[in-house]
């Protein structure tokens, strides 16, 4: 794909941890350069409180995020064909994104981002795991799209 994509979809398993972080970070870094959304294979969870907390630390607001699945997107009239790029952050979402992309001209990338939900024994170690995931996503975004231009 040449140039900056006009519409990007981040996806993961539940749209509760990794993909909302990626959506929020992308919007913070690049503003309105691109239409950015996120989705999950399932929407059976609310946004994760640790995700909200670690993103809040760097000025990314996720409090109002509502988890949605690929199916929810379709039900609400948002089609995969409206995106230039899908970035999958988990193996399951990568599989679904590839399947959906076979009938639409959309590029799919897979970024294996660690799932922090099972890491850490107490609040502090859990927060550290979520910060690592957040920072891993931020690094991948910057590596892929470059330093943001001043807005």
N, C-alpha and C. Protein backbone atom coordinates (compact mmCIF):
# COMPACT_ATOMS: atom_id res chain seq x y z
N UNK A 1 0.85 -1.18 0.00
CA UNK A 1 0.00 0.00 0.00
C UNK A 1 0.89 1.24 0.00
N UNK A 2 0.62 2.15 -0.89
CA UNK A 2 1.39 3.39 -0.96
C UNK A 2 0.70 4.48 -0.14
N UNK A 3 1.51 5.30 0.52
CA UNK A 3 0.97 6.41 1.28
C UNK A 3 0.29 5.97 2.56
N UNK A 4 -0.28 6.94 3.23
CA UNK A 4 -0.95 6.71 4.50
C UNK A 4 -2.35 6.18 4.23
N UNK A 5 -2.75 5.07 4.87
CA UNK A 5 -4.09 4.54 4.63
C UNK A 5 -5.17 5.53 5.05
N UNK A 6 -6.27 5.54 4.33
CA UNK A 6 -7.36 6.46 4.68
C UNK A 6 -8.27 5.88 5.75
N UNK A 7 -8.28 4.54 5.88
CA UNK A 7 -9.14 3.90 6.89
C UNK A 7 -8.45 2.64 7.40
N UNK A 8 -8.30 2.56 8.73
CA UNK A 8 -7.58 1.46 9.37
C UNK A 8 -8.49 0.81 10.41
N UNK A 9 -8.49 -0.51 10.41
CA UNK A 9 -9.23 -1.27 11.41
C UNK A 9 -8.23 -2.13 12.20
N UNK A 10 -8.19 -1.93 13.51
CA UNK A 10 -7.40 -2.79 14.40
C UNK A 10 -8.34 -3.85 14.96
N UNK A 11 -7.85 -5.07 15.09
CA UNK A 11 -8.72 -6.11 15.64
C UNK A 11 -7.94 -7.05 16.55
N UNK A 12 -8.67 -7.62 17.50
CA UNK A 12 -8.12 -8.63 18.41
C UNK A 12 -9.26 -9.57 18.79
N UNK A 13 -9.12 -10.28 19.89
CA UNK A 13 -10.10 -11.31 20.24
C UNK A 13 -11.44 -10.75 20.73
N UNK A 14 -11.40 -9.80 21.66
CA UNK A 14 -12.63 -9.33 22.32
C UNK A 14 -12.89 -7.83 22.15
N UNK A 15 -11.97 -7.10 21.52
CA UNK A 15 -12.08 -5.65 21.41
C UNK A 15 -12.19 -5.01 22.78
N UNK A 16 -11.42 -5.55 23.73
CA UNK A 16 -11.47 -5.06 25.11
C UNK A 16 -10.10 -4.63 25.64
N UNK A 17 -9.00 -5.05 25.00
CA UNK A 17 -7.66 -4.73 25.50
C UNK A 17 -6.78 -4.16 24.38
N UNK A 18 -6.28 -5.02 23.52
CA UNK A 18 -5.27 -4.61 22.54
C UNK A 18 -5.81 -3.70 21.44
N UNK A 19 -6.90 -4.07 20.79
CA UNK A 19 -7.38 -3.25 19.67
C UNK A 19 -7.90 -1.88 20.10
N UNK A 20 -8.58 -1.75 21.26
CA UNK A 20 -8.94 -0.39 21.69
C UNK A 20 -7.71 0.46 22.00
N UNK A 21 -6.67 -0.17 22.59
CA UNK A 21 -5.42 0.56 22.84
C UNK A 21 -4.85 1.08 21.52
N UNK A 22 -4.81 0.19 20.52
CA UNK A 22 -4.25 0.57 19.23
C UNK A 22 -5.06 1.68 18.57
N UNK A 23 -6.38 1.57 18.64
CA UNK A 23 -7.24 2.61 18.07
C UNK A 23 -6.97 3.95 18.75
N UNK A 24 -6.95 3.95 20.08
CA UNK A 24 -6.71 5.19 20.82
C UNK A 24 -5.34 5.78 20.56
N UNK A 25 -4.33 4.94 20.51
CA UNK A 25 -2.96 5.42 20.24
C UNK A 25 -2.86 6.00 18.83
N UNK A 26 -3.46 5.32 17.88
CA UNK A 26 -3.41 5.78 16.49
C UNK A 26 -4.08 7.15 16.37
N UNK A 27 -5.22 7.31 17.01
CA UNK A 27 -5.93 8.60 16.97
C UNK A 27 -5.11 9.68 17.67
N UNK A 28 -4.46 9.34 18.78
CA UNK A 28 -3.65 10.32 19.49
C UNK A 28 -2.46 10.77 18.63
N UNK A 29 -1.80 9.82 17.98
CA UNK A 29 -0.59 10.12 17.23
C UNK A 29 -0.87 10.82 15.90
N UNK A 30 -1.91 10.40 15.20
CA UNK A 30 -2.12 10.87 13.83
C UNK A 30 -3.42 11.63 13.61
N UNK A 31 -4.18 11.81 14.68
CA UNK A 31 -5.38 12.61 14.58
C UNK A 31 -6.32 12.16 13.49
N UNK A 32 -6.69 13.07 12.65
CA UNK A 32 -7.66 12.80 11.60
C UNK A 32 -7.00 12.46 10.26
N UNK A 33 -5.74 12.05 10.28
CA UNK A 33 -5.07 11.64 9.04
C UNK A 33 -5.74 10.42 8.44
N UNK A 34 -6.42 9.65 9.28
CA UNK A 34 -7.03 8.41 8.83
C UNK A 34 -8.25 8.13 9.70
N UNK A 35 -9.23 7.46 9.11
CA UNK A 35 -10.38 6.97 9.87
C UNK A 35 -9.92 5.70 10.57
N UNK A 36 -10.08 5.62 11.89
CA UNK A 36 -9.55 4.49 12.66
C UNK A 36 -10.66 3.90 13.53
N UNK A 37 -10.81 2.58 13.46
CA UNK A 37 -11.77 1.87 14.30
C UNK A 37 -11.11 0.59 14.82
N UNK A 38 -11.83 -0.08 15.71
CA UNK A 38 -11.34 -1.38 16.20
C UNK A 38 -12.54 -2.31 16.36
N UNK A 39 -12.21 -3.61 16.33
CA UNK A 39 -13.25 -4.63 16.48
C UNK A 39 -12.61 -5.90 17.04
N UNK A 40 -13.45 -6.81 17.45
CA UNK A 40 -12.98 -8.09 17.95
C UNK A 40 -13.66 -9.24 17.25
N UNK A 41 -13.09 -10.40 17.42
CA UNK A 41 -13.74 -11.60 16.90
C UNK A 41 -15.09 -11.76 17.62
N UNK A 42 -15.09 -11.46 18.92
CA UNK A 42 -16.30 -11.48 19.74
C UNK A 42 -16.41 -10.15 20.47
N UNK A 43 -17.58 -9.84 20.98
CA UNK A 43 -17.76 -8.63 21.80
C UNK A 43 -18.34 -9.02 23.16
N UNK A 44 -17.81 -10.09 23.73
CA UNK A 44 -18.38 -10.65 24.96
C UNK A 44 -17.76 -10.08 26.23
N UNK A 45 -17.01 -8.99 26.11
CA UNK A 45 -16.39 -8.36 27.28
C UNK A 45 -16.52 -6.84 27.15
N UNK A 46 -16.49 -6.16 28.29
CA UNK A 46 -16.41 -4.71 28.28
C UNK A 46 -14.95 -4.30 28.16
N UNK A 47 -14.72 -3.03 27.87
CA UNK A 47 -13.35 -2.52 27.84
C UNK A 47 -12.68 -2.82 29.18
N UNK A 48 -11.46 -3.28 29.12
CA UNK A 48 -10.70 -3.71 30.29
C UNK A 48 -10.24 -2.49 31.10
N UNK A 49 -10.46 -2.52 32.40
CA UNK A 49 -10.09 -1.40 33.27
C UNK A 49 -8.61 -1.11 33.30
N UNK A 50 -7.79 -2.14 33.21
CA UNK A 50 -6.33 -1.92 33.17
C UNK A 50 -5.93 -1.23 31.87
N UNK A 51 -6.59 -1.56 30.77
CA UNK A 51 -6.32 -0.88 29.49
C UNK A 51 -6.65 0.61 29.61
N UNK A 52 -7.79 0.89 30.20
CA UNK A 52 -8.20 2.29 30.41
C UNK A 52 -7.14 3.01 31.24
N UNK A 53 -6.70 2.38 32.33
CA UNK A 53 -5.75 3.01 33.26
C UNK A 53 -4.41 3.31 32.60
N UNK A 54 -3.83 2.33 31.90
CA UNK A 54 -2.50 2.56 31.33
C UNK A 54 -2.54 3.51 30.13
N UNK A 55 -3.64 3.56 29.43
CA UNK A 55 -3.76 4.52 28.34
C UNK A 55 -3.99 5.93 28.89
N UNK A 56 -4.73 6.02 29.97
CA UNK A 56 -4.96 7.32 30.61
C UNK A 56 -3.63 7.94 31.03
N UNK A 57 -2.68 7.11 31.46
CA UNK A 57 -1.36 7.60 31.89
C UNK A 57 -0.65 8.40 30.80
N UNK A 58 -0.94 8.11 29.55
CA UNK A 58 -0.27 8.81 28.44
C UNK A 58 -1.25 9.68 27.65
N UNK A 59 -2.39 9.97 28.24
CA UNK A 59 -3.32 10.91 27.63
C UNK A 59 -4.24 10.33 26.57
N UNK A 60 -4.40 9.01 26.56
CA UNK A 60 -5.32 8.36 25.62
C UNK A 60 -6.56 7.94 26.39
N UNK A 61 -7.71 8.44 25.98
CA UNK A 61 -8.97 8.20 26.69
C UNK A 61 -9.70 7.02 26.06
N UNK A 62 -9.95 5.99 26.86
CA UNK A 62 -10.69 4.82 26.39
C UNK A 62 -11.98 4.59 27.17
N UNK A 63 -12.31 5.48 28.09
CA UNK A 63 -13.46 5.29 28.98
C UNK A 63 -14.76 5.03 28.24
N UNK A 64 -14.95 5.69 27.11
CA UNK A 64 -16.24 5.58 26.40
C UNK A 64 -16.24 4.47 25.34
N UNK A 65 -15.14 3.74 25.23
CA UNK A 65 -15.07 2.68 24.22
C UNK A 65 -16.10 1.59 24.52
N UNK A 66 -16.79 1.15 23.48
CA UNK A 66 -17.73 0.04 23.59
C UNK A 66 -17.24 -1.08 22.68
N UNK A 67 -17.04 -2.25 23.26
CA UNK A 67 -16.56 -3.39 22.47
C UNK A 67 -17.54 -3.73 21.37
N UNK A 68 -17.00 -4.10 20.22
CA UNK A 68 -17.83 -4.53 19.11
C UNK A 68 -17.10 -5.61 18.33
N UNK A 69 -17.87 -6.44 17.71
CA UNK A 69 -17.32 -7.54 16.93
C UNK A 69 -17.39 -7.18 15.44
N UNK A 70 -16.75 -8.01 14.61
CA UNK A 70 -16.88 -7.85 13.16
C UNK A 70 -18.35 -7.91 12.76
N UNK A 71 -19.09 -8.82 13.40
CA UNK A 71 -20.52 -8.96 13.09
C UNK A 71 -21.30 -7.71 13.46
N UNK A 72 -20.97 -7.11 14.63
CA UNK A 72 -21.61 -5.85 15.02
C UNK A 72 -21.36 -4.77 13.97
N UNK A 73 -20.13 -4.70 13.50
CA UNK A 73 -19.81 -3.69 12.47
C UNK A 73 -20.73 -3.84 11.26
N UNK A 74 -20.86 -5.06 10.81
CA UNK A 74 -21.70 -5.34 9.64
C UNK A 74 -23.15 -4.96 9.94
N UNK A 75 -23.63 -5.34 11.13
CA UNK A 75 -25.01 -5.01 11.52
C UNK A 75 -25.25 -3.51 11.57
N UNK A 76 -24.21 -2.75 11.89
CA UNK A 76 -24.33 -1.29 12.00
C UNK A 76 -23.99 -0.58 10.70
N UNK A 77 -23.81 -1.37 9.63
CA UNK A 77 -23.61 -0.79 8.32
C UNK A 77 -22.18 -0.43 7.98
N UNK A 78 -21.23 -0.88 8.77
CA UNK A 78 -19.83 -0.59 8.47
C UNK A 78 -19.20 -1.84 7.86
N UNK A 79 -18.78 -1.71 6.61
CA UNK A 79 -18.28 -2.86 5.86
C UNK A 79 -16.75 -2.90 5.86
N UNK A 80 -16.20 -4.10 5.80
CA UNK A 80 -14.76 -4.30 5.71
C UNK A 80 -14.21 -3.59 4.47
N UNK A 81 -15.00 -3.54 3.42
CA UNK A 81 -14.55 -2.91 2.17
C UNK A 81 -14.27 -1.41 2.34
N UNK A 82 -14.75 -0.82 3.44
CA UNK A 82 -14.50 0.59 3.71
C UNK A 82 -13.12 0.87 4.28
N UNK A 83 -12.35 -0.18 4.56
CA UNK A 83 -11.02 -0.01 5.14
C UNK A 83 -9.94 -0.35 4.12
N UNK A 84 -8.83 0.38 4.17
CA UNK A 84 -7.66 0.09 3.34
C UNK A 84 -6.78 -0.96 3.99
N UNK A 85 -6.78 -0.96 5.33
CA UNK A 85 -5.84 -1.78 6.07
C UNK A 85 -6.50 -2.33 7.33
N UNK A 86 -6.34 -3.62 7.54
CA UNK A 86 -6.74 -4.26 8.79
C UNK A 86 -5.46 -4.73 9.46
N UNK A 87 -5.29 -4.35 10.72
CA UNK A 87 -4.14 -4.79 11.49
C UNK A 87 -4.65 -5.69 12.61
N UNK A 88 -4.32 -6.97 12.49
CA UNK A 88 -4.74 -7.97 13.48
C UNK A 88 -3.68 -8.10 14.56
N UNK A 89 -4.12 -8.11 15.81
CA UNK A 89 -3.20 -8.14 16.95
C UNK A 89 -3.22 -9.47 17.69
N UNK A 90 -3.98 -10.42 17.20
CA UNK A 90 -4.06 -11.75 17.81
C UNK A 90 -4.21 -12.78 16.70
N UNK A 91 -3.82 -14.02 16.96
CA UNK A 91 -3.95 -15.06 15.92
C UNK A 91 -5.39 -15.26 15.45
N UNK A 92 -6.35 -15.29 16.37
CA UNK A 92 -7.75 -15.51 15.98
C UNK A 92 -8.27 -14.37 15.11
N UNK A 93 -7.94 -13.14 15.47
CA UNK A 93 -8.42 -12.01 14.67
C UNK A 93 -7.72 -11.96 13.31
N UNK A 94 -6.48 -12.42 13.26
CA UNK A 94 -5.77 -12.47 11.99
C UNK A 94 -6.47 -13.44 11.03
N UNK A 95 -6.86 -14.58 11.56
CA UNK A 95 -7.56 -15.58 10.75
C UNK A 95 -8.88 -15.02 10.20
N UNK A 96 -9.66 -14.37 11.06
CA UNK A 96 -10.93 -13.80 10.62
C UNK A 96 -10.70 -12.67 9.61
N UNK A 97 -9.73 -11.80 9.89
CA UNK A 97 -9.45 -10.69 8.98
C UNK A 97 -9.04 -11.19 7.60
N UNK A 98 -8.21 -12.22 7.56
CA UNK A 98 -7.80 -12.78 6.27
C UNK A 98 -8.99 -13.35 5.51
N UNK A 99 -9.87 -14.02 6.22
CA UNK A 99 -11.06 -14.60 5.59
C UNK A 99 -11.97 -13.49 5.03
N UNK A 100 -12.17 -12.43 5.82
CA UNK A 100 -13.03 -11.33 5.38
C UNK A 100 -12.41 -10.57 4.21
N UNK A 101 -11.09 -10.48 4.20
CA UNK A 101 -10.39 -9.71 3.17
C UNK A 101 -10.35 -10.41 1.82
N UNK A 102 -10.67 -11.69 1.78
CA UNK A 102 -10.61 -12.39 0.49
C UNK A 102 -11.63 -11.85 -0.50
N UNK A 103 -12.71 -11.28 0.00
CA UNK A 103 -13.74 -10.76 -0.91
C UNK A 103 -13.72 -9.24 -1.01
N UNK A 104 -12.70 -8.60 -0.43
CA UNK A 104 -12.61 -7.13 -0.47
C UNK A 104 -11.16 -6.73 -0.71
N UNK A 105 -10.95 -5.62 -1.39
CA UNK A 105 -9.58 -5.16 -1.63
C UNK A 105 -9.00 -4.43 -0.41
N UNK A 106 -8.66 -5.18 0.61
CA UNK A 106 -8.12 -4.60 1.84
C UNK A 106 -6.86 -5.38 2.22
N UNK A 107 -5.82 -4.65 2.62
CA UNK A 107 -4.58 -5.29 3.06
C UNK A 107 -4.74 -5.73 4.51
N UNK A 108 -4.15 -6.86 4.85
CA UNK A 108 -4.18 -7.37 6.23
C UNK A 108 -2.75 -7.55 6.70
N UNK A 109 -2.46 -7.01 7.88
CA UNK A 109 -1.16 -7.20 8.52
C UNK A 109 -1.38 -7.87 9.86
N UNK A 110 -0.42 -8.67 10.26
CA UNK A 110 -0.50 -9.33 11.57
C UNK A 110 0.65 -8.83 12.43
N UNK A 111 0.29 -8.23 13.57
CA UNK A 111 1.27 -7.80 14.56
C UNK A 111 1.04 -8.67 15.79
N UNK A 112 1.92 -9.61 16.10
CA UNK A 112 1.74 -10.46 17.28
C UNK A 112 2.01 -9.68 18.57
N UNK A 113 0.96 -9.13 19.13
CA UNK A 113 1.05 -8.31 20.35
C UNK A 113 0.67 -9.17 21.55
N UNK A 114 1.48 -9.12 22.60
CA UNK A 114 1.22 -9.95 23.78
C UNK A 114 -0.11 -9.59 24.43
N UNK A 115 -0.79 -10.60 24.91
CA UNK A 115 -2.04 -10.44 25.66
C UNK A 115 -1.67 -10.33 27.13
N UNK A 116 -1.90 -9.17 27.76
CA UNK A 116 -1.47 -8.99 29.14
C UNK A 116 -2.45 -9.52 30.19
N UNK A 117 -3.60 -10.01 29.78
CA UNK A 117 -4.67 -10.30 30.74
C UNK A 117 -4.32 -11.39 31.74
N UNK A 118 -3.48 -12.33 31.38
CA UNK A 118 -3.14 -13.43 32.31
C UNK A 118 -1.83 -13.20 33.04
N UNK A 119 -1.25 -12.04 32.86
CA UNK A 119 0.05 -11.75 33.47
C UNK A 119 -0.12 -10.94 34.76
N UNK A 120 0.79 -11.14 35.69
CA UNK A 120 0.80 -10.35 36.92
C UNK A 120 -0.02 -10.97 38.02
N UNK A 121 0.53 -10.89 39.21
CA UNK A 121 -0.12 -11.49 40.39
C UNK A 121 -0.87 -10.46 41.23
N UNK A 122 -0.51 -9.19 41.08
CA UNK A 122 -1.19 -8.14 41.85
C UNK A 122 -1.37 -6.93 40.94
N UNK A 123 -1.99 -5.90 41.47
CA UNK A 123 -2.32 -4.73 40.66
C UNK A 123 -1.09 -4.13 39.98
N UNK A 124 -0.01 -3.97 40.72
CA UNK A 124 1.19 -3.34 40.15
C UNK A 124 1.80 -4.17 39.03
N UNK A 125 1.90 -5.48 39.21
CA UNK A 125 2.49 -6.30 38.16
C UNK A 125 1.55 -6.42 36.95
N UNK A 126 0.25 -6.39 37.21
CA UNK A 126 -0.71 -6.38 36.10
C UNK A 126 -0.58 -5.08 35.30
N UNK A 127 -0.51 -3.98 36.00
CA UNK A 127 -0.35 -2.69 35.31
C UNK A 127 0.93 -2.68 34.47
N UNK A 128 2.00 -3.25 35.01
CA UNK A 128 3.25 -3.31 34.25
C UNK A 128 3.07 -4.12 32.97
N UNK A 129 2.36 -5.24 33.05
CA UNK A 129 2.11 -6.07 31.86
C UNK A 129 1.31 -5.29 30.82
N UNK A 130 0.30 -4.57 31.26
CA UNK A 130 -0.52 -3.77 30.34
C UNK A 130 0.30 -2.62 29.74
N UNK A 131 1.18 -2.03 30.55
CA UNK A 131 2.04 -0.97 30.01
C UNK A 131 2.96 -1.52 28.92
N UNK A 132 3.47 -2.72 29.14
CA UNK A 132 4.33 -3.34 28.12
C UNK A 132 3.56 -3.55 26.82
N UNK A 133 2.33 -4.02 26.93
CA UNK A 133 1.49 -4.21 25.74
C UNK A 133 1.23 -2.87 25.06
N UNK A 134 0.86 -1.87 25.84
CA UNK A 134 0.60 -0.52 25.29
C UNK A 134 1.83 0.00 24.56
N UNK A 135 2.99 -0.13 25.18
CA UNK A 135 4.22 0.38 24.59
C UNK A 135 4.63 -0.42 23.35
N UNK A 136 4.35 -1.72 23.37
CA UNK A 136 4.63 -2.57 22.21
C UNK A 136 3.76 -2.12 21.02
N UNK A 137 2.49 -1.85 21.27
CA UNK A 137 1.59 -1.38 20.22
C UNK A 137 2.06 -0.02 19.70
N UNK A 138 2.40 0.89 20.61
CA UNK A 138 2.85 2.23 20.21
C UNK A 138 4.10 2.14 19.33
N UNK A 139 5.04 1.29 19.72
CA UNK A 139 6.27 1.12 18.94
C UNK A 139 5.98 0.60 17.54
N UNK A 140 5.07 -0.37 17.45
CA UNK A 140 4.71 -0.93 16.14
C UNK A 140 4.02 0.11 15.26
N UNK A 141 3.15 0.91 15.87
CA UNK A 141 2.47 1.97 15.12
C UNK A 141 3.49 2.95 14.56
N UNK A 142 4.41 3.40 15.41
CA UNK A 142 5.41 4.37 14.96
C UNK A 142 6.33 3.77 13.90
N UNK A 143 6.71 2.50 14.07
CA UNK A 143 7.57 1.84 13.08
C UNK A 143 6.84 1.72 11.74
N UNK A 144 5.56 1.46 11.77
CA UNK A 144 4.77 1.24 10.54
C UNK A 144 4.41 2.54 9.84
N UNK A 145 4.03 3.56 10.63
CA UNK A 145 3.48 4.78 10.04
C UNK A 145 4.39 6.00 10.14
N UNK A 146 5.51 5.88 10.86
CA UNK A 146 6.45 6.99 11.00
C UNK A 146 6.06 7.97 12.08
N UNK A 147 6.99 8.87 12.34
CA UNK A 147 6.74 9.90 13.34
C UNK A 147 5.58 10.78 12.88
N UNK A 148 4.67 11.10 13.81
CA UNK A 148 3.53 11.94 13.40
C UNK A 148 4.01 13.34 13.02
N UNK A 149 3.36 13.88 12.00
CA UNK A 149 3.64 15.26 11.58
C UNK A 149 2.92 16.19 12.54
N UNK A 150 3.46 17.36 12.76
CA UNK A 150 2.78 18.30 13.64
C UNK A 150 1.44 18.67 13.01
N UNK A 151 0.42 18.75 13.88
CA UNK A 151 -0.92 19.01 13.37
C UNK A 151 -1.31 20.43 13.59
